[in-house]
Every structure is written in C-alpha cells, then in structure tokens.
PDB file of N, CA and C in Angstrom:
ATOM      1  N   UNK A   1      93.454  69.963 187.250  1.00  0.00           N
ATOM      2  CA  UNK A   1      93.132  69.438 185.943  1.00  0.00           C
ATOM      3  C   UNK A   1      93.841  68.111 185.748  1.00  0.00           C
ATOM      4  N   UNK A   2      93.135  67.114 185.240  1.00  0.00           N
ATOM      5  CA  UNK A   2      93.684  65.772 185.015  1.00  0.00           C
ATOM      6  C   UNK A   2      93.977  65.593 183.529  1.00  0.00           C
ATOM      7  N   UNK A   3      95.208  65.216 183.223  1.00  0.00           N
ATOM      8  CA  UNK A   3      95.606  64.987 181.838  1.00  0.00           C
ATOM      9  C   UNK A   3      95.968  63.523 181.678  1.00  0.00           C
ATOM     10  N   UNK A   4      95.301  62.863 180.768  1.00  0.00           N
ATOM     11  CA  UNK A   4      95.580  61.458 180.491  1.00  0.00           C
ATOM     12  C   UNK A   4      96.668  61.374 179.428  1.00  0.00           C
ATOM     13  N   UNK A   5      97.762  60.723 179.780  1.00  0.00           N
ATOM     14  CA  UNK A   5      98.852  60.567 178.835  1.00  0.00           C
ATOM     15  C   UNK A   5      99.031  59.090 178.539  1.00  0.00           C
ATOM     16  N   UNK A   6      99.159  58.772 177.268  1.00  0.00           N
ATOM     17  CA  UNK A   6      99.406  57.396 176.872  1.00  0.00           C
ATOM     18  C   UNK A   6     100.905  57.136 176.945  1.00  0.00           C
ATOM     19  N   UNK A   7     101.252  55.957 177.361  1.00  0.00           N
ATOM     20  CA  UNK A   7     102.655  55.575 177.412  1.00  0.00           C
ATOM     21  C   UNK A   7     103.154  55.268 176.003  1.00  0.00           C
ATOM     22  N   UNK A   8     104.465  55.172 175.863  1.00  0.00           N
ATOM     23  CA  UNK A   8     105.051  54.794 174.578  1.00  0.00           C
ATOM     24  C   UNK A   8     104.534  53.415 174.170  1.00  0.00           C
ATOM     25  N   UNK A   9     104.484  52.497 175.118  1.00  0.00           N
ATOM     26  CA  UNK A   9     104.010  51.146 174.822  1.00  0.00           C
ATOM     27  C   UNK A   9     102.581  51.136 174.317  1.00  0.00           C
ATOM     28  N   UNK A  10     101.728  51.915 174.955  1.00  0.00           N
ATOM     29  CA  UNK A  10     100.327  51.996 174.518  1.00  0.00           C
ATOM     30  C   UNK A  10     100.239  52.565 173.114  1.00  0.00           C
ATOM     31  N   UNK A  11     101.035  53.580 172.827  1.00  0.00           N
ATOM     32  CA  UNK A  11     101.027  54.158 171.480  1.00  0.00           C
ATOM     33  C   UNK A  11     101.503  53.143 170.448  1.00  0.00           C
ATOM     34  N   UNK A  12     102.549  52.380 170.791  1.00  0.00           N
ATOM     35  CA  UNK A  12     103.032  51.357 169.864  1.00  0.00           C
ATOM     36  C   UNK A  12     101.957  50.295 169.613  1.00  0.00           C
ATOM     37  N   UNK A  13     101.272  49.879 170.672  1.00  0.00           N
ATOM     38  CA  UNK A  13     100.208  48.879 170.540  1.00  0.00           C
ATOM     39  C   UNK A  13      99.075  49.401 169.654  1.00  0.00           C
ATOM     40  N   UNK A  14      98.660  50.640 169.872  1.00  0.00           N
ATOM     41  CA  UNK A  14      97.588  51.226 169.071  1.00  0.00           C
ATOM     42  C   UNK A  14      97.986  51.355 167.608  1.00  0.00           C
ATOM     43  N   UNK A  15      99.241  51.687 167.360  1.00  0.00           N
ATOM     44  CA  UNK A  15      99.730  51.776 165.984  1.00  0.00           C
ATOM     45  C   UNK A  15      99.709  50.395 165.320  1.00  0.00           C
ATOM     46  N   UNK A  16     100.070  49.370 166.095  1.00  0.00           N
ATOM     47  CA  UNK A  16     100.049  48.001 165.559  1.00  0.00           C
ATOM     48  C   UNK A  16      98.615  47.586 165.247  1.00  0.00           C
ATOM     49  N   UNK A  17      97.692  47.877 166.162  1.00  0.00           N
ATOM     50  CA  UNK A  17      96.281  47.548 165.933  1.00  0.00           C
ATOM     51  C   UNK A  17      95.776  48.239 164.665  1.00  0.00           C
ATOM     52  N   UNK A  18      96.141  49.496 164.483  1.00  0.00           N
ATOM     53  CA  UNK A  18      95.690  50.249 163.314  1.00  0.00           C
ATOM     54  C   UNK A  18      96.218  49.631 162.018  1.00  0.00           C
ATOM     55  N   UNK A  19      97.389  49.032 162.102  1.00  0.00           N
ATOM     56  CA  UNK A  19      98.001  48.371 160.943  1.00  0.00           C
ATOM     57  C   UNK A  19      97.459  46.952 160.770  1.00  0.00           C
ATOM     58  N   UNK A  20      96.742  46.462 161.784  1.00  0.00           N
ATOM     59  CA  UNK A  20      96.121  45.136 161.775  1.00  0.00           C
ATOM     60  C   UNK A  20      97.149  44.008 161.591  1.00  0.00           C
ATOM     61  N   UNK A  21      98.218  44.084 162.382  1.00  0.00           N
ATOM     62  CA  UNK A  21      99.221  43.018 162.358  1.00  0.00           C
ATOM     63  C   UNK A  21      99.447  42.494 163.767  1.00  0.00           C
ATOM     64  N   UNK A  22      99.929  41.274 163.845  1.00  0.00           N
ATOM     65  CA  UNK A  22     100.142  40.630 165.141  1.00  0.00           C
ATOM     66  C   UNK A  22     101.524  40.947 165.686  1.00  0.00           C
ATOM     67  N   UNK A  23     101.694  40.679 166.972  1.00  0.00           N
ATOM     68  CA  UNK A  23     103.013  40.836 167.578  1.00  0.00           C
ATOM     69  C   UNK A  23     104.017  39.915 166.894  1.00  0.00           C
ATOM     70  N   UNK A  24     103.574  38.720 166.524  1.00  0.00           N
ATOM     71  CA  UNK A  24     104.456  37.771 165.851  1.00  0.00           C
ATOM     72  C   UNK A  24     104.945  38.343 164.525  1.00  0.00           C
ATOM     73  N   UNK A  25     104.040  38.948 163.766  1.00  0.00           N
ATOM     74  CA  UNK A  25     104.416  39.546 162.484  1.00  0.00           C
ATOM     75  C   UNK A  25     105.413  40.688 162.676  1.00  0.00           C
ATOM     76  N   UNK A  26     105.182  41.495 163.693  1.00  0.00           N
ATOM     77  CA  UNK A  26     106.098  42.598 163.999  1.00  0.00           C
ATOM     78  C   UNK A  26     107.477  42.043 164.334  1.00  0.00           C
ATOM     79  N   UNK A  27     107.502  41.044 165.192  1.00  0.00           N
ATOM     80  CA  UNK A  27     108.775  40.438 165.600  1.00  0.00           C
ATOM     81  C   UNK A  27     109.534  39.903 164.390  1.00  0.00           C
ATOM     82  N   UNK A  28     108.836  39.219 163.512  1.00  0.00           N
ATOM     83  CA  UNK A  28     109.480  38.657 162.320  1.00  0.00           C
ATOM     84  C   UNK A  28     110.012  39.755 161.403  1.00  0.00           C
ATOM     85  N   UNK A  29     109.235  40.806 161.198  1.00  0.00           N
ATOM     86  CA  UNK A  29     109.650  41.882 160.299  1.00  0.00           C
ATOM     87  C   UNK A  29     110.820  42.684 160.864  1.00  0.00           C
ATOM     88  N   UNK A  30     110.880  42.810 162.191  1.00  0.00           N
ATOM     89  CA  UNK A  30     111.958  43.579 162.810  1.00  0.00           C
ATOM     90  C   UNK A  30     113.141  42.702 163.219  1.00  0.00           C
ATOM     91  N   UNK A  31     112.979  41.391 163.116  1.00  0.00           N
ATOM     92  CA  UNK A  31     114.060  40.485 163.493  1.00  0.00           C
ATOM     93  C   UNK A  31     114.326  40.461 164.981  1.00  0.00           C
ATOM     94  N   UNK A  32     113.245  40.572 165.762  1.00  0.00           N
ATOM     95  CA  UNK A  32     113.359  40.536 167.217  1.00  0.00           C
ATOM     96  C   UNK A  32     112.433  39.453 167.767  1.00  0.00           C
ATOM     97  N   UNK A  33     112.565  39.177 169.042  1.00  0.00           N
ATOM     98  CA  UNK A  33     111.754  38.169 169.700  1.00  0.00           C
ATOM     99  C   UNK A  33     110.358  38.728 169.994  1.00  0.00           C
ATOM    100  N   UNK A  34     109.352  37.881 169.880  1.00  0.00           N
ATOM    101  CA  UNK A  34     107.979  38.299 170.178  1.00  0.00           C
ATOM    102  C   UNK A  34     107.851  38.805 171.619  1.00  0.00           C
ATOM    103  N   UNK A  35     108.655  38.253 172.518  1.00  0.00           N
ATOM    104  CA  UNK A  35     108.622  38.717 173.911  1.00  0.00           C
ATOM    105  C   UNK A  35     109.092  40.160 174.024  1.00  0.00           C
ATOM    106  N   UNK A  36     109.989  40.562 173.142  1.00  0.00           N
ATOM    107  CA  UNK A  36     110.453  41.947 173.137  1.00  0.00           C
ATOM    108  C   UNK A  36     109.337  42.877 172.692  1.00  0.00           C
ATOM    109  N   UNK A  37     108.603  42.473 171.675  1.00  0.00           N
ATOM    110  CA  UNK A  37     107.455  43.270 171.207  1.00  0.00           C
ATOM    111  C   UNK A  37     106.465  43.457 172.357  1.00  0.00           C
ATOM    112  N   UNK A  38     106.142  42.361 173.032  1.00  0.00           N
ATOM    113  CA  UNK A  38     105.206  42.415 174.154  1.00  0.00           C
ATOM    114  C   UNK A  38     105.732  43.316 175.272  1.00  0.00           C
ATOM    115  N   UNK A  39     107.006  43.177 175.598  1.00  0.00           N
ATOM    116  CA  UNK A  39     107.596  43.985 176.670  1.00  0.00           C
ATOM    117  C   UNK A  39     107.557  45.472 176.325  1.00  0.00           C
ATOM    118  N   UNK A  40     107.815  45.805 175.069  1.00  0.00           N
ATOM    119  CA  UNK A  40     107.749  47.207 174.648  1.00  0.00           C
ATOM    120  C   UNK A  40     106.326  47.729 174.764  1.00  0.00           C
ATOM    121  N   UNK A  41     105.355  46.960 174.299  1.00  0.00           N
ATOM    122  CA  UNK A  41     103.961  47.413 174.333  1.00  0.00           C
ATOM    123  C   UNK A  41     103.420  47.522 175.753  1.00  0.00           C
ATOM    124  N   UNK A  42     103.988  46.763 176.671  1.00  0.00           N
ATOM    125  CA  UNK A  42     103.519  46.789 178.061  1.00  0.00           C
ATOM    126  C   UNK A  42     104.439  47.585 178.975  1.00  0.00           C
ATOM    127  N   UNK A  43     105.368  48.324 178.369  1.00  0.00           N
ATOM    128  CA  UNK A  43     106.297  49.179 179.123  1.00  0.00           C
ATOM    129  C   UNK A  43     107.043  48.413 180.206  1.00  0.00           C
ATOM    130  N   UNK A  44     107.435  47.185 179.884  1.00  0.00           N
ATOM    131  CA  UNK A  44     108.138  46.344 180.855  1.00  0.00           C
ATOM    132  C   UNK A  44     109.655  46.524 180.795  1.00  0.00           C
ATOM    133  N   UNK A  45     110.147  47.082 179.692  1.00  0.00           N
ATOM    134  CA  UNK A  45     111.579  47.325 179.547  1.00  0.00           C
ATOM    135  C   UNK A  45     111.801  48.740 179.050  1.00  0.00           C
ATOM    136  N   UNK A  46     113.032  49.225 179.220  1.00  0.00           N
ATOM    137  CA  UNK A  46     113.372  50.568 178.764  1.00  0.00           C
ATOM    138  C   UNK A  46     113.279  50.625 177.245  1.00  0.00           C
ATOM    139  N   UNK A  47     112.650  51.654 176.743  1.00  0.00           N
ATOM    140  CA  UNK A  47     112.473  51.823 175.302  1.00  0.00           C
ATOM    141  C   UNK A  47     113.741  52.427 174.700  1.00  0.00           C
ATOM    142  N   UNK A  48     114.407  51.658 173.857  1.00  0.00           N
ATOM    143  CA  UNK A  48     115.584  52.144 173.145  1.00  0.00           C
ATOM    144  C   UNK A  48     115.111  52.908 171.909  1.00  0.00           C
ATOM    145  N   UNK A  49     115.574  54.127 171.743  1.00  0.00           N
ATOM    146  CA  UNK A  49     115.071  54.998 170.683  1.00  0.00           C
ATOM    147  C   UNK A  49     115.250  54.380 169.300  1.00  0.00           C
ATOM    148  N   UNK A  50     116.352  53.683 169.077  1.00  0.00           N
ATOM    149  CA  UNK A  50     116.579  53.065 167.770  1.00  0.00           C
ATOM    150  C   UNK A  50     115.516  52.043 167.415  1.00  0.00           C
ATOM    151  N   UNK A  51     115.142  51.225 168.381  1.00  0.00           N
ATOM    152  CA  UNK A  51     114.119  50.218 168.127  1.00  0.00           C
ATOM    153  C   UNK A  51     112.736  50.852 168.019  1.00  0.00           C
ATOM    154  N   UNK A  52     112.465  51.858 168.811  1.00  0.00           N
ATOM    155  CA  UNK A  52     111.180  52.565 168.710  1.00  0.00           C
ATOM    156  C   UNK A  52     111.031  53.154 167.304  1.00  0.00           C
ATOM    157  N   UNK A  53     112.109  53.704 166.772  1.00  0.00           N
ATOM    158  CA  UNK A  53     112.067  54.247 165.412  1.00  0.00           C
ATOM    159  C   UNK A  53     111.771  53.155 164.392  1.00  0.00           C
ATOM    160  N   UNK A  54     112.320  51.969 164.604  1.00  0.00           N
ATOM    161  CA  UNK A  54     112.050  50.852 163.691  1.00  0.00           C
ATOM    162  C   UNK A  54     110.583  50.437 163.740  1.00  0.00           C
ATOM    163  N   UNK A  55     110.000  50.423 164.965  1.00  0.00           N
ATOM    164  CA  UNK A  55     108.571  50.130 165.106  1.00  0.00           C
ATOM    165  C   UNK A  55     107.769  51.155 164.297  1.00  0.00           C
ATOM    166  N   UNK A  56     108.064  52.426 164.510  1.00  0.00           N
ATOM    167  CA  UNK A  56     107.305  53.499 163.862  1.00  0.00           C
ATOM    168  C   UNK A  56     107.438  53.427 162.349  1.00  0.00           C
ATOM    169  N   UNK A  57     108.652  53.170 161.873  1.00  0.00           N
ATOM    170  CA  UNK A  57     108.866  53.042 160.427  1.00  0.00           C
ATOM    171  C   UNK A  57     108.011  51.900 159.864  1.00  0.00           C
ATOM    172  N   UNK A  58     107.998  50.769 160.551  1.00  0.00           N
ATOM    173  CA  UNK A  58     107.186  49.632 160.115  1.00  0.00           C
ATOM    174  C   UNK A  58     105.707  50.000 160.072  1.00  0.00           C
ATOM    175  N   UNK A  59     105.223  50.670 161.095  1.00  0.00           N
ATOM    176  CA  UNK A  59     103.803  51.000 161.172  1.00  0.00           C
ATOM    177  C   UNK A  59     103.393  52.096 160.183  1.00  0.00           C
ATOM    178  N   UNK A  60     104.365  52.821 159.660  1.00  0.00           N
ATOM    179  CA  UNK A  60     104.060  53.880 158.686  1.00  0.00           C
ATOM    180  C   UNK A  60     104.271  53.438 157.249  1.00  0.00           C
ATOM    181  N   UNK A  61     104.587  52.158 157.029  1.00  0.00           N
ATOM    182  CA  UNK A  61     104.765  51.658 155.660  1.00  0.00           C
ATOM    183  C   UNK A  61     103.424  51.570 154.957  1.00  0.00           C
TER     184      UNK A  61
END
C-alpha cells in the first residue's frame, strides 16, 4: 500500500496559499528573512518547532 505524506514545508505552503498571502508578507509579519520562508516551505532547512508554531499561528488568524 502506498501512502502519500505531505512534508511540513508543503503543509506550510498550502496554508499560506489558503490565506492568500505572499512569502514576503509572511516574512515581514514574522520578522524573518524571505529566504527563510522559502527554505521552510521547500524543506531546505531543519524546521524549528518554535518558528513552525509562529507560521501556524499567523495562518490561523
């Protein structure tokens, strides 16, 4: 049986799309670099739980 699992980065990207905001807007609201937003969404760096929680909080506003 094949199970498709979305990565944390993919889930963050989909949440951002659902909120209809840009990576730049996310970066500005969280006080981080736009490259960090991109790296998180593309699973290029280790996901720190504290920052992931901040992303989720922003997307649930």
